[in-house]
Amino acid sequence: MKISATLSCMMQLQKYPLDTQICPMMLESLFVS
């Protein structure tokens, strides 16, 4: 079983430290038999 994850965060530091980070996560699993 192989699991790969891609995580990308859009850093917006204009309002730091009161900002909110948007991190969409894509998780895909590959099952090899």
PDB file of N, CA and C in Angstrom:
ATOM      1  N   MET A   1       0.844  -1.191   0.000  1.00  0.00           N
ATOM      2  CA  MET A   1       0.000   0.000   0.000  1.00  0.00           C
ATOM      3  C   MET A   1       0.880   1.242   0.000  1.00  0.00           C
ATOM      4  N   LYS A   2       0.545   2.157  -0.868  1.00  0.00           N
ATOM      5  CA  LYS A   2       1.309   3.397  -0.972  1.00  0.00           C
ATOM      6  C   LYS A   2       0.370   4.578  -0.751  1.00  0.00           C
ATOM      7  N   ILE A   3       0.762   5.451   0.146  1.00  0.00           N
ATOM      8  CA  ILE A   3      -0.056   6.632   0.430  1.00  0.00           C
ATOM      9  C   ILE A   3       0.777   7.879   0.177  1.00  0.00           C
ATOM     10  N   SER A   4       0.250   8.742  -0.664  1.00  0.00           N
ATOM     11  CA  SER A   4       0.943   9.999  -0.920  1.00  0.00           C
ATOM     12  C   SER A   4       0.008  11.157  -0.610  1.00  0.00           C
ATOM     13  N   ALA A   5       0.553  12.176   0.017  1.00  0.00           N
ATOM     14  CA  ALA A   5      -0.258  13.333   0.383  1.00  0.00           C
ATOM     15  C   ALA A   5       0.389  14.602  -0.142  1.00  0.00           C
ATOM     16  N   THR A   6      -0.440  15.473  -0.673  1.00  0.00           N
ATOM     17  CA  THR A   6       0.039  16.762  -1.158  1.00  0.00           C
ATOM     18  C   THR A   6      -0.637  17.865  -0.351  1.00  0.00           C
ATOM     19  N   LEU A   7       0.176  18.678   0.283  1.00  0.00           N
ATOM     20  CA  LEU A   7      -0.371  19.744   1.116  1.00  0.00           C
ATOM     21  C   LEU A   7       0.189  21.084   0.656  1.00  0.00           C
ATOM     22  N   SER A   8      -0.714  21.957   0.269  1.00  0.00           N
ATOM     23  CA  SER A   8      -0.285  23.284  -0.175  1.00  0.00           C
ATOM     24  C   SER A   8      -0.985  24.342   0.662  1.00  0.00           C
ATOM     25  N   CYS A   9      -0.204  25.246   1.198  1.00  0.00           N
ATOM     26  CA  CYS A   9      -0.770  26.298   2.038  1.00  0.00           C
ATOM     27  C   CYS A   9      -0.534  27.657   1.393  1.00  0.00           C
ATOM     28  N   MET A  10      -1.595  28.417   1.308  1.00  0.00           N
ATOM     29  CA  MET A  10      -1.464  29.782   0.804  1.00  0.00           C
ATOM     30  C   MET A  10      -1.214  30.686   1.997  1.00  0.00           C
ATOM     31  N   MET A  11       0.009  31.186   2.094  1.00  0.00           N
ATOM     32  CA  MET A  11       0.366  32.005   3.238  1.00  0.00           C
ATOM     33  C   MET A  11       0.011  33.460   2.968  1.00  0.00           C
ATOM     34  N   GLN A  12      -0.857  34.004   3.814  1.00  0.00           N
ATOM     35  CA  GLN A  12      -1.220  35.410   3.702  1.00  0.00           C
ATOM     36  C   GLN A  12      -0.829  36.083   5.009  1.00  0.00           C
ATOM     37  N   LEU A  13       0.234  36.851   4.966  1.00  0.00           N
ATOM     38  CA  LEU A  13       0.800  37.409   6.192  1.00  0.00           C
ATOM     39  C   LEU A  13       0.461  38.884   6.400  1.00  0.00           C
ATOM     40  N   GLN A  14      -0.498  39.388   5.614  1.00  0.00           N
ATOM     41  CA  GLN A  14      -0.848  40.799   5.767  1.00  0.00           C
ATOM     42  C   GLN A  14      -1.498  41.065   7.124  1.00  0.00           C
ATOM     43  N   LYS A  15      -2.264  40.079   7.616  1.00  0.00           N
ATOM     44  CA  LYS A  15      -3.004  40.263   8.862  1.00  0.00           C
ATOM     45  C   LYS A  15      -2.366  39.514  10.023  1.00  0.00           C
ATOM     46  N   TYR A  16      -1.124  39.065   9.862  1.00  0.00           N
ATOM     47  CA  TYR A  16      -0.438  38.294  10.891  1.00  0.00           C
ATOM     48  C   TYR A  16      -0.381  39.083  12.191  1.00  0.00           C
ATOM     49  N   PRO A  17      -0.648  38.473  13.361  1.00  0.00           N
ATOM     50  CA  PRO A  17      -0.960  37.041  13.550  1.00  0.00           C
ATOM     51  C   PRO A  17      -2.454  36.739  13.596  1.00  0.00           C
ATOM     52  N   LEU A  18      -3.278  37.602  13.042  1.00  0.00           N
ATOM     53  CA  LEU A  18      -4.729  37.393  13.110  1.00  0.00           C
ATOM     54  C   LEU A  18      -5.286  36.831  11.807  1.00  0.00           C
ATOM     55  N   ASP A  19      -4.411  36.267  11.000  1.00  0.00           N
ATOM     56  CA  ASP A  19      -4.865  35.730   9.725  1.00  0.00           C
ATOM     57  C   ASP A  19      -5.290  34.268   9.857  1.00  0.00           C
ATOM     58  N   THR A  20      -5.933  33.778   8.833  1.00  0.00           N
ATOM     59  CA  THR A  20      -6.296  32.364   8.787  1.00  0.00           C
ATOM     60  C   THR A  20      -5.656  31.763   7.550  1.00  0.00           C
ATOM     61  N   GLN A  21      -5.040  30.613   7.723  1.00  0.00           N
ATOM     62  CA  GLN A  21      -4.365  29.955   6.619  1.00  0.00           C
ATOM     63  C   GLN A  21      -5.324  28.980   5.941  1.00  0.00           C
ATOM     64  N   ILE A  22      -5.259  28.952   4.627  1.00  0.00           N
ATOM     65  CA  ILE A  22      -6.090  28.034   3.860  1.00  0.00           C
ATOM     66  C   ILE A  22      -5.191  26.912   3.338  1.00  0.00           C
ATOM     67  N   CYS A  23      -5.417  25.710   3.846  1.00  0.00           N
ATOM     68  CA  CYS A  23      -4.591  24.572   3.441  1.00  0.00           C
ATOM     69  C   CYS A  23      -5.459  23.440   2.913  1.00  0.00           C
ATOM     70  N   PRO A  24      -5.706  23.422   1.624  1.00  0.00           N
ATOM     71  CA  PRO A  24      -6.427  22.281   1.062  1.00  0.00           C
ATOM     72  C   PRO A  24      -5.503  21.072   0.993  1.00  0.00           C
ATOM     73  N   MET A  25      -5.985  19.927   1.416  1.00  0.00           N
ATOM     74  CA  MET A  25      -5.143  18.736   1.426  1.00  0.00           C
ATOM     75  C   MET A  25      -5.728  17.680   0.498  1.00  0.00           C
ATOM     76  N   MET A  26      -4.890  17.180  -0.384  1.00  0.00           N
ATOM     77  CA  MET A  26      -5.305  16.113  -1.277  1.00  0.00           C
ATOM     78  C   MET A  26      -4.599  14.832  -0.848  1.00  0.00           C
ATOM     79  N   LEU A  27      -5.394  13.816  -0.577  1.00  0.00           N
ATOM     80  CA  LEU A  27      -4.833  12.552  -0.110  1.00  0.00           C
ATOM     81  C   LEU A  27      -5.271  11.452  -1.064  1.00  0.00           C
ATOM     82  N   GLU A  28      -4.306  10.757  -1.622  1.00  0.00           N
ATOM     83  CA  GLU A  28      -4.651   9.678  -2.526  1.00  0.00           C
ATOM     84  C   GLU A  28      -3.941   8.400  -2.108  1.00  0.00           C
ATOM     85  N   SER A  29      -4.669   7.316  -2.186  1.00  0.00           N
ATOM     86  CA  SER A  29      -4.114   6.026  -1.799  1.00  0.00           C
ATOM     87  C   SER A  29      -4.050   5.125  -3.030  1.00  0.00           C
ATOM     88  N   LEU A  30      -2.934   4.464  -3.194  1.00  0.00           N
ATOM     89  CA  LEU A  30      -2.772   3.538  -4.305  1.00  0.00           C
ATOM     90  C   LEU A  30      -2.588   2.131  -3.749  1.00  0.00           C
ATOM     91  N   PHE A  31      -3.516   1.251  -4.091  1.00  0.00           N
ATOM     92  CA  PHE A  31      -3.432  -0.125  -3.618  1.00  0.00           C
ATOM     93  C   PHE A  31      -2.861  -0.993  -4.730  1.00  0.00           C
ATOM     94  N   VAL A  32      -1.761  -1.651  -4.431  1.00  0.00           N
ATOM     95  CA  VAL A  32      -1.115  -2.512  -5.412  1.00  0.00           C
ATOM     96  C   VAL A  32      -1.247  -3.953  -4.951  1.00  0.00           C
ATOM     97  N   SER A  33      -1.817  -4.786  -5.816  1.00  0.00           N
ATOM     98  CA  SER A  33      -1.992  -6.191  -5.440  1.00  0.00           C
ATOM     99  C   SER A  33      -1.035  -7.065  -6.235  1.00  0.00           C
TER     100      SER A  33
END
